Amino acid sequence: MNDGGERFKFKNPEYGSLEYEEMMKLIRNFCLGSEENRLIIGTDSKDHGSFVLFTTVIVVHKVGKGGMYFYTTRKENIYYDMKSRIFKEAQLSIEMANFLMGSMEEEDMEMISGIEIHIDVGENGPTKELIRSVVGYVNGSGYEVRIKPDSFAASKVADKHTG
């Protein structure tokens, strides 16, 4: 997968740094033999002053049997207000989901039953004003969406890697 001409590098706590093709092979092997597998995509970000770090995670959930995850990060030297940052997180998750959908079709990965997107907004706190619009954005892109407290891919896993 490319990001402005540069290939994304994915990381996994167990396997380290991976190319996209290596990650897809691990996902395929992990899901083989399991009847219900889902991909869950989530993005979180943190303002580090001179840049914003966005972390997008791909959680592979073997329903009833655990999971594994991969993540990729990107730095942007642009100021984002909270609303713009939340929508950028949703955009990055949608882009990743679209790319994965295309890859799964090409690689005939029928063992994945669907993709769900987790967004880092919830009924409590300053993001509650954005729930309706950002959920509509993700749903309008064709994906199931979860918000806090059920959006663990964004609010827990990706958050862990935003620094």
C-alpha atoms as a PDB file:
ATOM      1  CA  MET A   1       0.000   0.000   0.000  1.00  0.00           C
ATOM      2  CA  ASN A   2       1.335   3.408  -0.911  1.00  0.00           C
ATOM      3  CA  ASP A   3       1.094   6.706   0.921  1.00  0.00           C
ATOM      4  CA  GLY A   4       2.080   9.537  -1.393  1.00  0.00           C
ATOM      5  CA  GLY A   5       4.578   7.351  -3.220  1.00  0.00           C
ATOM      6  CA  GLU A   6       6.043   5.719  -0.107  1.00  0.00           C
ATOM      7  CA  ARG A   7       5.142   2.175   0.878  1.00  0.00           C
ATOM      8  CA  PHE A   8       3.477   1.726   4.217  1.00  0.00           C
ATOM      9  CA  LYS A   9       5.442  -0.291   6.724  1.00  0.00           C
ATOM     10  CA  PHE A  10       3.338  -2.296   9.114  1.00  0.00           C
ATOM     11  CA  LYS A  11       4.383  -3.375  12.570  1.00  0.00           C
ATOM     12  CA  ASN A  12       3.270  -6.201  14.784  1.00  0.00           C
ATOM     13  CA  PRO A  13       4.392  -6.734  18.394  1.00  0.00           C
ATOM     14  CA  GLU A  14       5.436 -10.327  17.660  1.00  0.00           C
ATOM     15  CA  TYR A  15       6.742 -10.124  14.078  1.00  0.00           C
ATOM     16  CA  GLY A  16       8.232  -6.612  14.023  1.00  0.00           C
ATOM     17  CA  SER A  17       8.331  -4.507  10.847  1.00  0.00           C
ATOM     18  CA  LEU A  18       6.542  -5.975   7.823  1.00  0.00           C
ATOM     19  CA  GLU A  19       5.817  -5.198   4.200  1.00  0.00           C
ATOM     20  CA  TYR A  20       2.151  -5.205   3.185  1.00  0.00           C
ATOM     21  CA  GLU A  21       2.446  -8.579   1.440  1.00  0.00           C
ATOM     22  CA  GLU A  22       4.005 -10.165   4.544  1.00  0.00           C
ATOM     23  CA  MET A  23       1.185  -8.818   6.703  1.00  0.00           C
ATOM     24  CA  MET A  24      -1.473 -10.202   4.346  1.00  0.00           C
ATOM     25  CA  LYS A  25       0.205 -13.628   4.401  1.00  0.00           C
ATOM     26  CA  LEU A  26       0.174 -13.602   8.221  1.00  0.00           C
ATOM     27  CA  ILE A  27      -3.506 -12.594   8.221  1.00  0.00           C
ATOM     28  CA  ARG A  28      -4.382 -15.391   5.804  1.00  0.00           C
ATOM     29  CA  ASN A  29      -2.466 -18.007   7.818  1.00  0.00           C
ATOM     30  CA  PHE A  30      -3.947 -16.773  11.104  1.00  0.00           C
ATOM     31  CA  CYS A  31      -7.512 -17.034   9.769  1.00  0.00           C
ATOM     32  CA  LEU A  32      -7.214 -20.427   8.070  1.00  0.00           C
ATOM     33  CA  GLY A  33      -9.355 -23.066   9.715  1.00  0.00           C
ATOM     34  CA  SER A  34     -11.554 -20.552  11.525  1.00  0.00           C
ATOM     35  CA  GLU A  35     -15.111 -20.055  10.333  1.00  0.00           C
ATOM     36  CA  GLU A  36     -15.655 -16.478  11.498  1.00  0.00           C
ATOM     37  CA  ASN A  37     -12.964 -13.831  11.095  1.00  0.00           C
ATOM     38  CA  ARG A  38     -13.333 -10.057  11.009  1.00  0.00           C
ATOM     39  CA  LEU A  39     -10.995  -7.195  10.282  1.00  0.00           C
ATOM     40  CA  ILE A  40     -11.396  -4.178  12.514  1.00  0.00           C
ATOM     41  CA  ILE A  41      -9.760  -0.916  11.490  1.00  0.00           C
ATOM     42  CA  GLY A  42      -9.206   2.031  13.808  1.00  0.00           C
ATOM     43  CA  THR A  43      -7.109   5.182  13.824  1.00  0.00           C
ATOM     44  CA  ASP A  44      -6.050   7.435  16.678  1.00  0.00           C
ATOM     45  CA  SER A  45      -3.865  10.525  16.711  1.00  0.00           C
ATOM     46  CA  LYS A  46      -1.870  12.666  19.069  1.00  0.00           C
ATOM     47  CA  ASP A  47      -0.666  16.227  18.685  1.00  0.00           C
ATOM     48  CA  HIS A  48       3.056  16.305  19.466  1.00  0.00           C
ATOM     49  CA  GLY A  49       3.390  20.068  19.039  1.00  0.00           C
ATOM     50  CA  SER A  50       5.370  20.277  15.813  1.00  0.00           C
ATOM     51  CA  PHE A  51       3.497  17.364  14.211  1.00  0.00           C
ATOM     52  CA  VAL A  52       0.470  15.098  14.591  1.00  0.00           C
ATOM     53  CA  LEU A  53       1.084  11.345  14.734  1.00  0.00           C
ATOM     54  CA  PHE A  54      -1.680   9.176  13.253  1.00  0.00           C
ATOM     55  CA  THR A  55      -1.701   5.451  14.017  1.00  0.00           C
ATOM     56  CA  THR A  56      -3.954   3.124  12.045  1.00  0.00           C
ATOM     57  CA  VAL A  57      -4.449  -0.422  13.305  1.00  0.00           C
ATOM     58  CA  ILE A  58      -5.758  -3.546  11.646  1.00  0.00           C
ATOM     59  CA  VAL A  59      -7.125  -5.962  14.220  1.00  0.00           C
ATOM     60  CA  VAL A  60      -7.679  -9.505  12.971  1.00  0.00           C
ATOM     61  CA  HIS A  61     -10.402 -11.028  15.157  1.00  0.00           C
ATOM     62  CA  LYS A  62     -10.876 -14.773  15.104  1.00  0.00           C
ATOM     63  CA  VAL A  63     -14.323 -14.704  16.694  1.00  0.00           C
ATOM     64  CA  GLY A  64     -14.286 -16.693  19.928  1.00  0.00           C
ATOM     65  CA  LYS A  65     -10.595 -17.519  19.539  1.00  0.00           C
ATOM     66  CA  GLY A  66      -8.642 -14.280  19.988  1.00  0.00           C
ATOM     67  CA  GLY A  67      -6.847 -12.024  17.593  1.00  0.00           C
ATOM     68  CA  MET A  68      -3.736 -10.215  16.481  1.00  0.00           C
ATOM     69  CA  TYR A  69      -3.043  -6.729  15.194  1.00  0.00           C
ATOM     70  CA  PHE A  70      -0.831  -4.693  12.919  1.00  0.00           C
ATOM     71  CA  TYR A  71      -0.295  -0.946  12.848  1.00  0.00           C
ATOM     72  CA  THR A  72       1.188   1.772  10.719  1.00  0.00           C
ATOM     73  CA  THR A  73       1.989   5.360  11.642  1.00  0.00           C
ATOM     74  CA  ARG A  74       2.297   8.625   9.782  1.00  0.00           C
ATOM     75  CA  LYS A  75       3.394  12.095  10.834  1.00  0.00           C
ATOM     76  CA  GLU A  76       1.778  15.221   9.473  1.00  0.00           C
ATOM     77  CA  ASN A  77       3.186  18.691   9.999  1.00  0.00           C
ATOM     78  CA  ILE A  78      -0.257  20.277   9.819  1.00  0.00           C
ATOM     79  CA  TYR A  79      -2.306  21.732  12.654  1.00  0.00           C
ATOM     80  CA  TYR A  80      -5.672  20.013  13.087  1.00  0.00           C
ATOM     81  CA  ASP A  81      -8.448  21.220  15.344  1.00  0.00           C
ATOM     82  CA  MET A  82     -10.301  18.411  17.134  1.00  0.00           C
ATOM     83  CA  LYS A  83     -13.071  18.071  14.537  1.00  0.00           C
ATOM     84  CA  SER A  84     -10.629  17.966  11.612  1.00  0.00           C
ATOM     85  CA  ARG A  85      -8.450  15.437  13.409  1.00  0.00           C
ATOM     86  CA  ILE A  86     -11.384  13.100  14.146  1.00  0.00           C
ATOM     87  CA  PHE A  87     -12.466  13.253  10.502  1.00  0.00           C
ATOM     88  CA  LYS A  88      -8.870  12.652   9.363  1.00  0.00           C
ATOM     89  CA  GLU A  89      -8.761   9.567  11.616  1.00  0.00           C
ATOM     90  CA  ALA A  90     -12.008   8.314  10.051  1.00  0.00           C
ATOM     91  CA  GLN A  91     -10.673   9.057   6.550  1.00  0.00           C
ATOM     92  CA  LEU A  92      -7.462   7.091   7.167  1.00  0.00           C
ATOM     93  CA  SER A  93      -9.473   4.137   8.504  1.00  0.00           C
ATOM     94  CA  ILE A  94     -11.811   4.199   5.497  1.00  0.00           C
ATOM     95  CA  GLU A  95      -8.867   4.369   3.086  1.00  0.00           C
ATOM     96  CA  MET A  96      -7.225   1.394   4.794  1.00  0.00           C
ATOM     97  CA  ALA A  97     -10.501  -0.560   4.771  1.00  0.00           C
ATOM     98  CA  ASN A  98     -11.024   0.173   1.059  1.00  0.00           C
ATOM     99  CA  PHE A  99      -7.507  -0.973   0.247  1.00  0.00           C
ATOM    100  CA  LEU A 100      -7.894  -4.157   2.295  1.00  0.00           C
ATOM    101  CA  MET A 101     -11.250  -4.934   0.660  1.00  0.00           C
ATOM    102  CA  GLY A 102      -9.622  -4.728  -2.765  1.00  0.00           C
ATOM    103  CA  SER A 103      -6.722  -6.918  -1.670  1.00  0.00           C
ATOM    104  CA  MET A 104      -9.004  -9.516  -0.112  1.00  0.00           C
ATOM    105  CA  GLU A 105     -11.001  -9.777  -3.329  1.00  0.00           C
ATOM    106  CA  GLU A 106      -7.811 -10.134  -5.402  1.00  0.00           C
ATOM    107  CA  GLU A 107      -6.368 -12.748  -3.045  1.00  0.00           C
ATOM    108  CA  ASP A 108      -9.683 -14.610  -2.642  1.00  0.00           C
ATOM    109  CA  MET A 109      -9.681 -14.300   1.157  1.00  0.00           C
ATOM    110  CA  GLU A 110     -13.198 -15.600   1.752  1.00  0.00           C
ATOM    111  CA  MET A 111     -12.346 -16.495   5.346  1.00  0.00           C
ATOM    112  CA  ILE A 112     -12.793 -12.806   6.308  1.00  0.00           C
ATOM    113  CA  SER A 113     -16.488 -12.093   6.859  1.00  0.00           C
ATOM    114  CA  GLY A 114     -16.261  -8.309   6.880  1.00  0.00           C
ATOM    115  CA  ILE A 115     -14.572  -5.110   7.928  1.00  0.00           C
ATOM    116  CA  GLU A 116     -15.661  -2.929  10.817  1.00  0.00           C
ATOM    117  CA  ILE A 117     -14.339   0.566  11.562  1.00  0.00           C
ATOM    118  CA  HIS A 118     -13.826   1.855  15.089  1.00  0.00           C
ATOM    119  CA  ILE A 119     -13.774   5.591  15.670  1.00  0.00           C
ATOM    120  CA  ASP A 120     -12.488   7.424  18.715  1.00  0.00           C
ATOM    121  CA  VAL A 121     -15.666   9.346  19.602  1.00  0.00           C
ATOM    122  CA  GLY A 122     -18.152   8.769  22.398  1.00  0.00           C
ATOM    123  CA  GLU A 123     -21.170  10.055  24.282  1.00  0.00           C
ATOM    124  CA  ASN A 124     -18.948  11.481  27.023  1.00  0.00           C
ATOM    125  CA  GLY A 125     -16.470  14.249  26.385  1.00  0.00           C
ATOM    126  CA  PRO A 126     -15.887  16.786  23.636  1.00  0.00           C
ATOM    127  CA  THR A 127     -16.328  14.354  20.724  1.00  0.00           C
ATOM    128  CA  LYS A 128     -20.025  13.710  21.456  1.00  0.00           C
ATOM    129  CA  GLU A 129     -20.936  16.595  19.140  1.00  0.00           C
ATOM    130  CA  LEU A 130     -19.285  14.755  16.234  1.00  0.00           C
ATOM    131  CA  ILE A 131     -20.830  11.301  16.638  1.00  0.00           C
ATOM    132  CA  ARG A 132     -23.665  11.686  14.167  1.00  0.00           C
ATOM    133  CA  SER A 133     -21.602  13.199  11.364  1.00  0.00           C
ATOM    134  CA  VAL A 134     -18.557  10.921  11.657  1.00  0.00           C
ATOM    135  CA  VAL A 135     -20.723   7.782  12.017  1.00  0.00           C
ATOM    136  CA  GLY A 136     -22.629   8.917   8.911  1.00  0.00           C
ATOM    137  CA  TYR A 137     -19.335   9.402   7.060  1.00  0.00           C
ATOM    138  CA  VAL A 138     -18.164   5.859   7.851  1.00  0.00           C
ATOM    139  CA  ASN A 139     -21.580   4.256   7.222  1.00  0.00           C
ATOM    140  CA  GLY A 140     -21.862   6.184   3.963  1.00  0.00           C
ATOM    141  CA  SER A 141     -18.569   4.613   2.915  1.00  0.00           C
ATOM    142  CA  GLY A 142     -20.146   1.177   3.333  1.00  0.00           C
ATOM    143  CA  TYR A 143     -18.722   0.043   6.665  1.00  0.00           C
ATOM    144  CA  GLU A 144     -20.102  -0.930  10.040  1.00  0.00           C
ATOM    145  CA  VAL A 145     -18.942   1.496  12.691  1.00  0.00           C
ATOM    146  CA  ARG A 146     -18.409   1.342  16.458  1.00  0.00           C
ATOM    147  CA  ILE A 147     -17.921   4.227  18.870  1.00  0.00           C
ATOM    148  CA  LYS A 148     -16.702   4.347  22.468  1.00  0.00           C
ATOM    149  CA  PRO A 149     -16.925   2.323  24.618  1.00  0.00           C
ATOM    150  CA  ASP A 150     -17.006  -0.345  21.872  1.00  0.00           C
ATOM    151  CA  SER A 151     -14.311   1.146  19.603  1.00  0.00           C
ATOM    152  CA  PHE A 152     -11.321  -0.629  21.132  1.00  0.00           C
ATOM    153  CA  ALA A 153      -9.287  -0.671  17.893  1.00  0.00           C
ATOM    154  CA  ALA A 154      -9.120   3.142  17.897  1.00  0.00           C
ATOM    155  CA  SER A 155      -9.467   4.028  21.566  1.00  0.00           C
ATOM    156  CA  LYS A 156      -7.184   1.318  22.993  1.00  0.00           C
ATOM    157  CA  VAL A 157      -4.982  -0.423  20.403  1.00  0.00           C
ATOM    158  CA  ALA A 158      -4.168   2.564  18.153  1.00  0.00           C
ATOM    159  CA  ASP A 159      -3.974   4.876  21.170  1.00  0.00           C
ATOM    160  CA  LYS A 160      -1.229   2.652  22.593  1.00  0.00           C
ATOM    161  CA  HIS A 161       0.986   3.449  19.585  1.00  0.00           C
ATOM    162  CA  THR A 162       0.430   7.203  19.165  1.00  0.00           C
ATOM    163  CA  GLY A 163       3.247   8.059  21.582  1.00  0.00           C
END
